[in-house]
Amino acid sequence: MGLVINGESIKDSVIQQDAENLRPDYTKAFEEMEEEAREKQLIEWARENVIERTLLQQEANRRNIEVTSDELNAAIKQMKDTCDGPEALLAQMGCESEAELEALTESSLRTQKLAEQIRTDSPGLSEDQIKDYYQEHAEEFTIPEHIVCAHIVKHIQYPTTEAQVMESMQKAKAELDKGRPFAMVAEDYSDCPENGGSLGAIAKGQMVEEFEDIAFNLHPGETSQVFKTRFGYHICTVTDRNPARIAELKEVKEHIEKLLKDQAETDSFYAFIDDLKSKATIEEA
């Protein structure tokens, strides 16, 4: 069943095409839903999409929003580059001709420009809003405990035997015990000698459990014995440890500003659409 939106007739085929465009992702997201109910919801979502898109297109036309030929040509070229030929693109867009594709694309670009205007017109943020969000969501800004460490690692790879690897690592440990700098020993013995074996700062969950069980029980300045993980044999040293903490506002302010700005723009956009709907005449055809 088609629609008449503010006097503009919309064919049922437009709604069906929108449903087909939504179907792949929609079916995957709602695969556990009973098929009949899922299909009914899909058509309803497509119908709402068409209503909102049509209202935005009508508003863009009312505002005389323009699209340049360069913008139009670039958009069509981008679509063609991602499709298997012109015919496939026409079929995907539900168009019967290049002229229809151009008209549809131009209308879509005008709608995009309108959406940008709406988002740009969203209210600005105050310092108090940023501070309030930070205080109310402090746990979101927890920086986990992390250590700064380096390691020497030898992989067990044919034809080298495990016994040979262990012997090599014991020699490396002996040199460390004599006071030779860790980075120099890593360069001579490690299979990953880059940067003296430095792993930089790591938090729990970044390395395999067997490694973390040793590394996170070392104090700064301590070096482990030789130990084994699924990757081979290691020696680890820790140079610094930083406990978990909540980031200061100045560290996350930019992130909060973006998050709140994006939310405000989204809220403004949907409020604008709701306003268009409340004023529109929408009938079944």
C-alpha atoms as a PDB file:
ATOM      1  CA  MET A   1       0.000   0.000   0.000  1.00  0.00           C
ATOM      2  CA  GLY A   2       1.392   3.379  -1.017  1.00  0.00           C
ATOM      3  CA  LEU A   3       1.293   6.726   0.764  1.00  0.00           C
ATOM      4  CA  VAL A   4       0.295  10.318   0.129  1.00  0.00           C
ATOM      5  CA  ILE A   5       2.554  12.670   2.090  1.00  0.00           C
ATOM      6  CA  ASN A   6       1.558  16.332   2.019  1.00  0.00           C
ATOM      7  CA  GLY A   7      -0.105  15.670  -1.316  1.00  0.00           C
ATOM      8  CA  GLU A   8       2.878  13.804  -2.802  1.00  0.00           C
ATOM      9  CA  SER A   9       2.107  10.247  -3.922  1.00  0.00           C
ATOM     10  CA  ILE A  10       4.584   7.534  -2.926  1.00  0.00           C
ATOM     11  CA  LYS A  11       4.244   4.164  -4.648  1.00  0.00           C
ATOM     12  CA  ASP A  12       4.244   0.958  -2.624  1.00  0.00           C
ATOM     13  CA  SER A  13       7.226  -0.160  -4.733  1.00  0.00           C
ATOM     14  CA  VAL A  14       9.311   2.592  -3.089  1.00  0.00           C
ATOM     15  CA  ILE A  15       8.551   1.158   0.351  1.00  0.00           C
ATOM     16  CA  GLN A  16       9.274  -2.375  -0.866  1.00  0.00           C
ATOM     17  CA  GLN A  17      12.626  -1.265  -2.329  1.00  0.00           C
ATOM     18  CA  ASP A  18      13.555   0.360   0.962  1.00  0.00           C
ATOM     19  CA  ALA A  19      12.647  -2.871   2.758  1.00  0.00           C
ATOM     20  CA  GLU A  20      14.908  -4.860   0.431  1.00  0.00           C
ATOM     21  CA  ASN A  21      17.777  -2.447   1.096  1.00  0.00           C
ATOM     22  CA  LEU A  22      17.278  -2.928   4.844  1.00  0.00           C
ATOM     23  CA  ARG A  23      16.747  -6.683   4.680  1.00  0.00           C
ATOM     24  CA  PRO A  24      20.344  -8.093   4.869  1.00  0.00           C
ATOM     25  CA  ASP A  25      21.343  -6.272   8.069  1.00  0.00           C
ATOM     26  CA  TYR A  26      17.821  -6.409   9.496  1.00  0.00           C
ATOM     27  CA  THR A  27      17.496 -10.177   9.052  1.00  0.00           C
ATOM     28  CA  LYS A  28      20.867 -10.746  10.698  1.00  0.00           C
ATOM     29  CA  ALA A  29      19.963  -8.535  13.679  1.00  0.00           C
ATOM     30  CA  PHE A  30      16.532 -10.126  14.201  1.00  0.00           C
ATOM     31  CA  GLU A  31      17.182 -13.682  13.041  1.00  0.00           C
ATOM     32  CA  GLU A  32      15.608 -15.158  16.191  1.00  0.00           C
ATOM     33  CA  MET A  33      12.304 -13.333  15.651  1.00  0.00           C
ATOM     34  CA  GLU A  34       9.398 -15.300  14.194  1.00  0.00           C
ATOM     35  CA  GLU A  35       9.440 -14.801  10.416  1.00  0.00           C
ATOM     36  CA  GLU A  36       5.964 -13.312   9.995  1.00  0.00           C
ATOM     37  CA  ALA A  37       6.482 -10.801  12.814  1.00  0.00           C
ATOM     38  CA  ARG A  38       9.948  -9.972  11.501  1.00  0.00           C
ATOM     39  CA  GLU A  39       8.606  -9.269   8.005  1.00  0.00           C
ATOM     40  CA  LYS A  40       5.816  -7.092   9.373  1.00  0.00           C
ATOM     41  CA  GLN A  41       8.288  -5.043  11.412  1.00  0.00           C
ATOM     42  CA  LEU A  42      10.651  -4.710   8.440  1.00  0.00           C
ATOM     43  CA  ILE A  43       7.894  -3.242   6.259  1.00  0.00           C
ATOM     44  CA  GLU A  44       6.892  -0.866   9.061  1.00  0.00           C
ATOM     45  CA  TRP A  45      10.479   0.333   9.447  1.00  0.00           C
ATOM     46  CA  ALA A  46      10.782   0.802   5.689  1.00  0.00           C
ATOM     47  CA  ARG A  47       7.510   2.752   5.699  1.00  0.00           C
ATOM     48  CA  GLU A  48       8.800   5.059   8.452  1.00  0.00           C
ATOM     49  CA  ASN A  49      12.077   5.531   6.578  1.00  0.00           C
ATOM     50  CA  VAL A  50      10.213   6.553   3.444  1.00  0.00           C
ATOM     51  CA  ILE A  51       7.998   8.986   5.376  1.00  0.00           C
ATOM     52  CA  GLU A  52      10.965  10.630   7.086  1.00  0.00           C
ATOM     53  CA  ARG A  53      13.017  10.774   3.903  1.00  0.00           C
ATOM     54  CA  THR A  54      10.117  12.275   1.936  1.00  0.00           C
ATOM     55  CA  LEU A  55       9.446  14.922   4.578  1.00  0.00           C
ATOM     56  CA  LEU A  56      13.121  15.872   4.614  1.00  0.00           C
ATOM     57  CA  GLN A  57      13.187  16.044   0.820  1.00  0.00           C
ATOM     58  CA  GLN A  58      10.129  18.277   0.830  1.00  0.00           C
ATOM     59  CA  GLU A  59      11.720  20.550   3.428  1.00  0.00           C
ATOM     60  CA  ALA A  60      14.993  20.671   1.464  1.00  0.00           C
ATOM     61  CA  ASN A  61      13.034  21.703  -1.632  1.00  0.00           C
ATOM     62  CA  ARG A  62      11.148  24.328   0.356  1.00  0.00           C
ATOM     63  CA  ARG A  63      14.461  25.810   1.509  1.00  0.00           C
ATOM     64  CA  ASN A  64      15.833  25.744  -2.061  1.00  0.00           C
ATOM     65  CA  ILE A  65      18.923  23.812  -1.004  1.00  0.00           C
ATOM     66  CA  GLU A  66      21.170  23.466  -4.042  1.00  0.00           C
ATOM     67  CA  VAL A  67      23.446  20.654  -5.203  1.00  0.00           C
ATOM     68  CA  THR A  68      26.218  21.492  -7.671  1.00  0.00           C
ATOM     69  CA  SER A  69      26.904  19.371 -10.747  1.00  0.00           C
ATOM     70  CA  ASP A  70      30.339  18.523  -9.320  1.00  0.00           C
ATOM     71  CA  GLU A  71      28.775  17.234  -6.097  1.00  0.00           C
ATOM     72  CA  LEU A  72      26.229  15.192  -8.031  1.00  0.00           C
ATOM     73  CA  ASN A  73      28.789  13.692 -10.421  1.00  0.00           C
ATOM     74  CA  ALA A  74      31.149  12.819  -7.558  1.00  0.00           C
ATOM     75  CA  ALA A  75      28.369  11.061  -5.623  1.00  0.00           C
ATOM     76  CA  ILE A  76      27.277   9.017  -8.644  1.00  0.00           C
ATOM     77  CA  LYS A  77      30.884   8.095  -9.465  1.00  0.00           C
ATOM     78  CA  GLN A  78      31.437   6.910  -5.892  1.00  0.00           C
ATOM     79  CA  MET A  79      28.355   4.683  -6.099  1.00  0.00           C
ATOM     80  CA  LYS A  80      29.393   3.277  -9.473  1.00  0.00           C
ATOM     81  CA  ASP A  81      32.883   2.507  -8.162  1.00  0.00           C
ATOM     82  CA  THR A  82      31.397   0.284  -5.457  1.00  0.00           C
ATOM     83  CA  CYS A  83      28.917  -1.527  -7.745  1.00  0.00           C
ATOM     84  CA  ASP A  84      29.314  -4.232 -10.397  1.00  0.00           C
ATOM     85  CA  GLY A  85      28.456  -2.003 -13.332  1.00  0.00           C
ATOM     86  CA  PRO A  86      25.752   0.586 -14.141  1.00  0.00           C
ATOM     87  CA  GLU A  87      22.957  -1.986 -14.417  1.00  0.00           C
ATOM     88  CA  ALA A  88      23.682  -3.364 -10.961  1.00  0.00           C
ATOM     89  CA  LEU A  89      23.620   0.156  -9.518  1.00  0.00           C
ATOM     90  CA  LEU A  90      20.282   0.954 -11.157  1.00  0.00           C
ATOM     91  CA  ALA A  91      18.810  -2.269  -9.788  1.00  0.00           C
ATOM     92  CA  GLN A  92      20.194  -1.624  -6.310  1.00  0.00           C
ATOM     93  CA  MET A  93      18.741   1.890  -6.249  1.00  0.00           C
ATOM     94  CA  GLY A  94      15.416   0.810  -7.746  1.00  0.00           C
ATOM     95  CA  CYS A  95      15.867   3.054 -10.798  1.00  0.00           C
ATOM     96  CA  GLU A  96      15.020   2.345 -14.426  1.00  0.00           C
ATOM     97  CA  SER A  97      17.304   4.949 -16.034  1.00  0.00           C
ATOM     98  CA  GLU A  98      20.381   7.129 -15.478  1.00  0.00           C
ATOM     99  CA  ALA A  99      18.112  10.179 -15.358  1.00  0.00           C
ATOM    100  CA  GLU A 100      16.078   8.637 -12.547  1.00  0.00           C
ATOM    101  CA  LEU A 101      19.294   7.743 -10.699  1.00  0.00           C
ATOM    102  CA  GLU A 102      20.556  11.329 -11.024  1.00  0.00           C
ATOM    103  CA  ALA A 103      17.272  12.737  -9.737  1.00  0.00           C
ATOM    104  CA  LEU A 104      17.260  10.338  -6.781  1.00  0.00           C
ATOM    105  CA  THR A 105      20.901  11.088  -5.943  1.00  0.00           C
ATOM    106  CA  GLU A 106      20.385  14.846  -6.192  1.00  0.00           C
ATOM    107  CA  SER A 107      17.413  14.619  -3.851  1.00  0.00           C
ATOM    108  CA  SER A 108      19.463  12.524  -1.417  1.00  0.00           C
ATOM    109  CA  LEU A 109      22.295  15.075  -1.447  1.00  0.00           C
ATOM    110  CA  ARG A 110      19.869  17.916  -0.749  1.00  0.00           C
ATOM    111  CA  THR A 111      18.521  15.942   2.188  1.00  0.00           C
ATOM    112  CA  GLN A 112      22.049  15.372   3.495  1.00  0.00           C
ATOM    113  CA  LYS A 113      22.753  19.105   3.322  1.00  0.00           C
ATOM    114  CA  LEU A 114      19.535  19.806   5.204  1.00  0.00           C
ATOM    115  CA  ALA A 115      20.525  17.300   7.890  1.00  0.00           C
ATOM    116  CA  GLU A 116      23.893  19.054   8.242  1.00  0.00           C
ATOM    117  CA  GLN A 117      22.126  22.396   8.667  1.00  0.00           C
ATOM    118  CA  ILE A 118      19.878  20.957  11.368  1.00  0.00           C
ATOM    119  CA  ARG A 119      22.817  19.467  13.243  1.00  0.00           C
ATOM    120  CA  THR A 120      24.794  22.703  12.935  1.00  0.00           C
ATOM    121  CA  ASP A 121      21.867  24.575  14.489  1.00  0.00           C
ATOM    122  CA  SER A 122      21.891  22.367  17.605  1.00  0.00           C
ATOM    123  CA  PRO A 123      22.516  24.250  20.888  1.00  0.00           C
ATOM    124  CA  GLY A 124      26.080  24.704  22.098  1.00  0.00           C
ATOM    125  CA  LEU A 125      27.572  23.144  25.225  1.00  0.00           C
ATOM    126  CA  SER A 126      28.321  24.864  28.509  1.00  0.00           C
ATOM    127  CA  GLU A 127      31.239  24.114  30.812  1.00  0.00           C
ATOM    128  CA  ASP A 128      28.732  23.012  33.456  1.00  0.00           C
ATOM    129  CA  GLN A 129      27.276  20.374  31.108  1.00  0.00           C
ATOM    130  CA  ILE A 130      30.741  18.949  30.516  1.00  0.00           C
ATOM    131  CA  LYS A 131      31.589  18.942  34.238  1.00  0.00           C
ATOM    132  CA  ASP A 132      28.244  17.377  35.148  1.00  0.00           C
ATOM    133  CA  TYR A 133      28.721  14.561  32.645  1.00  0.00           C
ATOM    134  CA  TYR A 134      32.250  13.934  33.941  1.00  0.00           C
ATOM    135  CA  GLN A 135      31.066  13.741  37.551  1.00  0.00           C
ATOM    136  CA  GLU A 136      28.072  11.523  36.739  1.00  0.00           C
ATOM    137  CA  HIS A 137      30.093   9.096  34.601  1.00  0.00           C
ATOM    138  CA  ALA A 138      33.413   9.084  36.449  1.00  0.00           C
ATOM    139  CA  GLU A 139      33.752   5.291  36.290  1.00  0.00           C
ATOM    140  CA  GLU A 140      33.745   5.457  32.481  1.00  0.00           C
ATOM    141  CA  PHE A 141      37.061   7.311  32.657  1.00  0.00           C
ATOM    142  CA  THR A 142      38.938   4.793  34.780  1.00  0.00           C
ATOM    143  CA  ILE A 143      42.487   4.208  33.568  1.00  0.00           C
ATOM    144  CA  PRO A 144      43.391   0.643  34.588  1.00  0.00           C
ATOM    145  CA  GLU A 145      46.550  -0.297  36.444  1.00  0.00           C
ATOM    146  CA  HIS A 146      49.448  -0.661  34.056  1.00  0.00           C
ATOM    147  CA  ILE A 147      53.112  -1.518  34.184  1.00  0.00           C
ATOM    148  CA  VAL A 148      56.040  -0.506  32.024  1.00  0.00           C
ATOM    149  CA  CYS A 149      58.076  -3.573  31.186  1.00  0.00           C
ATOM    150  CA  ALA A 150      60.472  -5.282  28.813  1.00  0.00           C
ATOM    151  CA  HIS A 151      61.105  -8.933  28.064  1.00  0.00           C
ATOM    152  CA  ILE A 152      63.467 -11.398  26.492  1.00  0.00           C
ATOM    153  CA  VAL A 153      61.709 -14.171  24.590  1.00  0.00           C
ATOM    154  CA  LYS A 154      62.903 -17.304  22.811  1.00  0.00           C
ATOM    155  CA  HIS A 155      60.440 -19.260  20.694  1.00  0.00           C
ATOM    156  CA  ILE A 156      60.646 -23.029  20.447  1.00  0.00           C
ATOM    157  CA  GLN A 157      60.994 -23.543  16.712  1.00  0.00           C
ATOM    158  CA  TYR A 158      62.294 -26.577  14.850  1.00  0.00           C
ATOM    159  CA  PRO A 159      65.105 -27.546  14.641  1.00  0.00           C
ATOM    160  CA  THR A 160      65.845 -25.815  17.972  1.00  0.00           C
ATOM    161  CA  THR A 161      64.770 -28.007  20.886  1.00  0.00           C
ATOM    162  CA  GLU A 162      63.110 -26.857  24.091  1.00  0.00           C
ATOM    163  CA  ALA A 163      66.208 -27.852  26.038  1.00  0.00           C
ATOM    164  CA  GLN A 164      68.382 -25.653  23.809  1.00  0.00           C
ATOM    165  CA  VAL A 165      66.006 -22.717  24.247  1.00  0.00           C
ATOM    166  CA  MET A 166      66.042 -23.147  28.021  1.00  0.00           C
ATOM    167  CA  GLU A 167      69.843 -23.297  28.045  1.00  0.00           C
ATOM    168  CA  SER A 168      70.042 -20.053  26.063  1.00  0.00           C
ATOM    169  CA  MET A 169      67.618 -18.319  28.414  1.00  0.00           C
ATOM    170  CA  GLN A 170      69.551 -19.477  31.473  1.00  0.00           C
ATOM    171  CA  LYS A 171      72.674 -17.900  29.974  1.00  0.00           C
ATOM    172  CA  ALA A 172      70.748 -14.663  29.434  1.00  0.00           C
ATOM    173  CA  LYS A 173      69.541 -14.715  33.042  1.00  0.00           C
ATOM    174  CA  ALA A 174      73.065 -15.298  34.290  1.00  0.00           C
ATOM    175  CA  GLU A 175      74.273 -12.196  32.429  1.00  0.00           C
ATOM    176  CA  LEU A 176      71.431 -10.150  33.920  1.00  0.00           C
ATOM    177  CA  ASP A 177      72.318 -11.393  37.399  1.00  0.00           C
ATOM    178  CA  LYS A 178      75.867 -10.131  36.822  1.00  0.00           C
ATOM    179  CA  GLY A 179      74.491  -6.643  36.166  1.00  0.00           C
ATOM    180  CA  ARG A 180      74.573  -6.456  32.391  1.00  0.00           C
ATOM    181  CA  PRO A 181      71.896  -4.001  31.100  1.00  0.00           C
ATOM    182  CA  PHE A 182      68.624  -5.691  30.173  1.00  0.00           C
ATOM    183  CA  ALA A 183      68.453  -4.053  26.725  1.00  0.00           C
ATOM    184  CA  MET A 184      71.906  -5.351  25.789  1.00  0.00           C
ATOM    185  CA  VAL A 185      71.052  -8.898  26.880  1.00  0.00           C
ATOM    186  CA  ALA A 186      67.782  -8.693  24.938  1.00  0.00           C
ATOM    187  CA  GLU A 187      69.642  -7.659  21.791  1.00  0.00           C
ATOM    188  CA  ASP A 188      71.926 -10.687  22.100  1.00  0.00           C
ATOM    189  CA  TYR A 189      69.426 -13.356  23.124  1.00  0.00           C
ATOM    190  CA  SER A 190      65.826 -12.358  22.360  1.00  0.00           C
ATOM    191  CA  ASP A 191      63.820 -13.320  19.288  1.00  0.00           C
ATOM    192  CA  CYS A 192      62.202  -9.879  19.635  1.00  0.00           C
ATOM    193  CA  PRO A 193      65.174  -7.632  20.401  1.00  0.00           C
ATOM    194  CA  GLU A 194      63.676  -4.405  19.036  1.00  0.00           C
ATOM    195  CA  ASN A 195      63.921  -1.454  21.445  1.00  0.00           C
ATOM    196  CA  GLY A 196      65.802  -3.588  23.921  1.00  0.00           C
ATOM    197  CA  GLY A 197      62.778  -5.842  24.353  1.00  0.00           C
ATOM    198  CA  SER A 198      60.589  -2.985  25.585  1.00  0.00           C
ATOM    199  CA  LEU A 199      56.841  -3.647  25.630  1.00  0.00           C
ATOM    200  CA  GLY A 200      56.028  -0.147  26.834  1.00  0.00           C
ATOM    201  CA  ALA A 201      53.050   0.332  29.132  1.00  0.00           C
ATOM    202  CA  ILE A 202      50.649  -2.616  29.316  1.00  0.00           C
ATOM    203  CA  ALA A 203      47.417  -3.171  31.220  1.00  0.00           C
ATOM    204  CA  LYS A 204      45.906  -6.478  32.254  1.00  0.00           C
ATOM    205  CA  GLY A 205      44.228  -8.243  29.386  1.00  0.00           C
ATOM    206  CA  GLN A 206      46.755  -7.166  26.772  1.00  0.00           C
ATOM    207  CA  MET A 207      49.125 -10.098  27.202  1.00  0.00           C
ATOM    208  CA  VAL A 208      48.558 -13.808  27.732  1.00  0.00           C
ATOM    209  CA  GLU A 209      47.608 -14.808  31.274  1.00  0.00           C
ATOM    210  CA  GLU A 210      50.825 -16.750  31.942  1.00  0.00           C
ATOM    211  CA  PHE A 211      52.871 -13.632  31.167  1.00  0.00           C
ATOM    212  CA  GLU A 212      50.694 -11.285  33.219  1.00  0.00           C
ATOM    213  CA  ASP A 213      50.750 -13.601  36.242  1.00  0.00           C
ATOM    214  CA  ILE A 214      54.503 -13.055  36.429  1.00  0.00           C
ATOM    215  CA  ALA A 215      54.822  -9.461  35.195  1.00  0.00           C
ATOM    216  CA  PHE A 216      52.118  -7.930  37.393  1.00  0.00           C
ATOM    217  CA  ASN A 217      53.659  -9.487  40.498  1.00  0.00           C
ATOM    218  CA  LEU A 218      57.003  -7.773  39.950  1.00  0.00           C
ATOM    219  CA  HIS A 219      57.916  -4.479  41.598  1.00  0.00           C
ATOM    220  CA  PRO A 220      59.716  -1.726  39.668  1.00  0.00           C
ATOM    221  CA  GLY A 221      63.360  -2.708  39.292  1.00  0.00           C
ATOM    222  CA  GLU A 222      62.693  -6.438  39.664  1.00  0.00           C
ATOM    223  CA  THR A 223      63.446  -9.060  37.015  1.00  0.00           C
ATOM    224  CA  SER A 224      61.745 -12.437  36.823  1.00  0.00           C
ATOM    225  CA  GLN A 225      63.207 -15.897  36.585  1.00  0.00           C
ATOM    226  CA  VAL A 226      62.894 -17.725  33.269  1.00  0.00           C
ATOM    227  CA  PHE A 227      59.251 -18.733  32.727  1.00  0.00           C
ATOM    228  CA  LYS A 228      57.205 -20.362  30.004  1.00  0.00           C
ATOM    229  CA  THR A 229      54.118 -19.270  28.067  1.00  0.00           C
ATOM    230  CA  ARG A 230      52.473 -20.652  24.923  1.00  0.00           C
ATOM    231  CA  PHE A 231      54.885 -18.465  22.930  1.00  0.00           C
ATOM    232  CA  GLY A 232      58.087 -19.832  24.410  1.00  0.00           C
ATOM    233  CA  TYR A 233      60.388 -18.877  27.292  1.00  0.00           C
ATOM    234  CA  HIS A 234      60.606 -15.377  28.752  1.00  0.00           C
ATOM    235  CA  ILE A 235      62.448 -13.182  31.191  1.00  0.00           C
ATOM    236  CA  CYS A 236      60.559 -10.040  32.197  1.00  0.00           C
ATOM    237  CA  THR A 237      61.617  -6.851  33.952  1.00  0.00           C
ATOM    238  CA  VAL A 238      59.361  -4.073  35.248  1.00  0.00           C
ATOM    239  CA  THR A 239      60.582  -0.474  35.330  1.00  0.00           C
ATOM    240  CA  ASP A 240      57.433   1.334  36.473  1.00  0.00           C
ATOM    241  CA  ARG A 241      53.968   0.638  37.864  1.00  0.00           C
ATOM    242  CA  ASN A 242      50.962   2.961  37.816  1.00  0.00           C
ATOM    243  CA  PRO A 243      47.868   2.125  39.882  1.00  0.00           C
ATOM    244  CA  ALA A 244      44.355   2.377  38.471  1.00  0.00           C
ATOM    245  CA  ARG A 245      42.950   5.898  38.581  1.00  0.00           C
ATOM    246  CA  ILE A 246      40.155   8.058  37.237  1.00  0.00           C
ATOM    247  CA  ALA A 247      41.373  10.367  34.487  1.00  0.00           C
ATOM    248  CA  GLU A 248      41.278  14.076  35.278  1.00  0.00           C
ATOM    249  CA  LEU A 249      38.692  16.207  33.505  1.00  0.00           C
ATOM    250  CA  LYS A 250      41.344  17.934  31.389  1.00  0.00           C
ATOM    251  CA  GLU A 251      42.423  14.531  30.037  1.00  0.00           C
ATOM    252  CA  VAL A 252      38.948  13.567  28.818  1.00  0.00           C
ATOM    253  CA  LYS A 253      37.314  16.949  28.214  1.00  0.00           C
ATOM    254  CA  GLU A 254      37.737  16.780  24.439  1.00  0.00           C
ATOM    255  CA  HIS A 255      36.182  13.294  24.372  1.00  0.00           C
ATOM    256  CA  ILE A 256      33.217  14.448  26.483  1.00  0.00           C
ATOM    257  CA  GLU A 257      32.695  17.524  24.304  1.00  0.00           C
ATOM    258  CA  LYS A 258      32.523  15.385  21.176  1.00  0.00           C
ATOM    259  CA  LEU A 259      30.221  12.840  22.793  1.00  0.00           C
ATOM    260  CA  LEU A 260      27.783  15.494  24.060  1.00  0.00           C
ATOM    261  CA  LYS A 261      27.951  17.455  20.809  1.00  0.00           C
ATOM    262  CA  ASP A 262      27.158  14.340  18.769  1.00  0.00           C
ATOM    263  CA  GLN A 263      24.257  13.522  21.091  1.00  0.00           C
ATOM    264  CA  ALA A 264      22.896  17.076  20.911  1.00  0.00           C
ATOM    265  CA  GLU A 265      23.077  17.026  17.110  1.00  0.00           C
ATOM    266  CA  THR A 266      21.293  13.672  16.963  1.00  0.00           C
ATOM    267  CA  ASP A 267      18.588  14.871  19.365  1.00  0.00           C
ATOM    268  CA  SER A 268      18.094  18.045  17.300  1.00  0.00           C
ATOM    269  CA  PHE A 269      17.797  16.035  14.102  1.00  0.00           C
ATOM    270  CA  TYR A 270      15.156  13.659  15.448  1.00  0.00           C
ATOM    271  CA  ALA A 271      13.258  16.496  17.128  1.00  0.00           C
ATOM    272  CA  PHE A 272      13.175  18.242  13.748  1.00  0.00           C
ATOM    273  CA  ILE A 273      11.815  15.105  12.065  1.00  0.00           C
ATOM    274  CA  ASP A 274       9.181  14.695  14.793  1.00  0.00           C
ATOM    275  CA  ASP A 275       8.118  18.300  14.212  1.00  0.00           C
ATOM    276  CA  LEU A 276       7.795  17.694  10.463  1.00  0.00           C
ATOM    277  CA  LYS A 277       5.700  14.591  11.140  1.00  0.00           C
ATOM    278  CA  SER A 278       3.415  16.419  13.552  1.00  0.00           C
ATOM    279  CA  LYS A 279       2.635  19.033  10.896  1.00  0.00           C
ATOM    280  CA  ALA A 280       2.383  16.651   7.937  1.00  0.00           C
ATOM    281  CA  THR A 281      -0.668  15.123   6.309  1.00  0.00           C
ATOM    282  CA  ILE A 282       0.070  11.423   5.788  1.00  0.00           C
ATOM    283  CA  GLU A 283      -2.523   9.133   4.237  1.00  0.00           C
ATOM    284  CA  GLU A 284      -2.652   5.574   2.947  1.00  0.00           C
ATOM    285  CA  ALA A 285      -3.050   5.415  -0.831  1.00  0.00           C
END
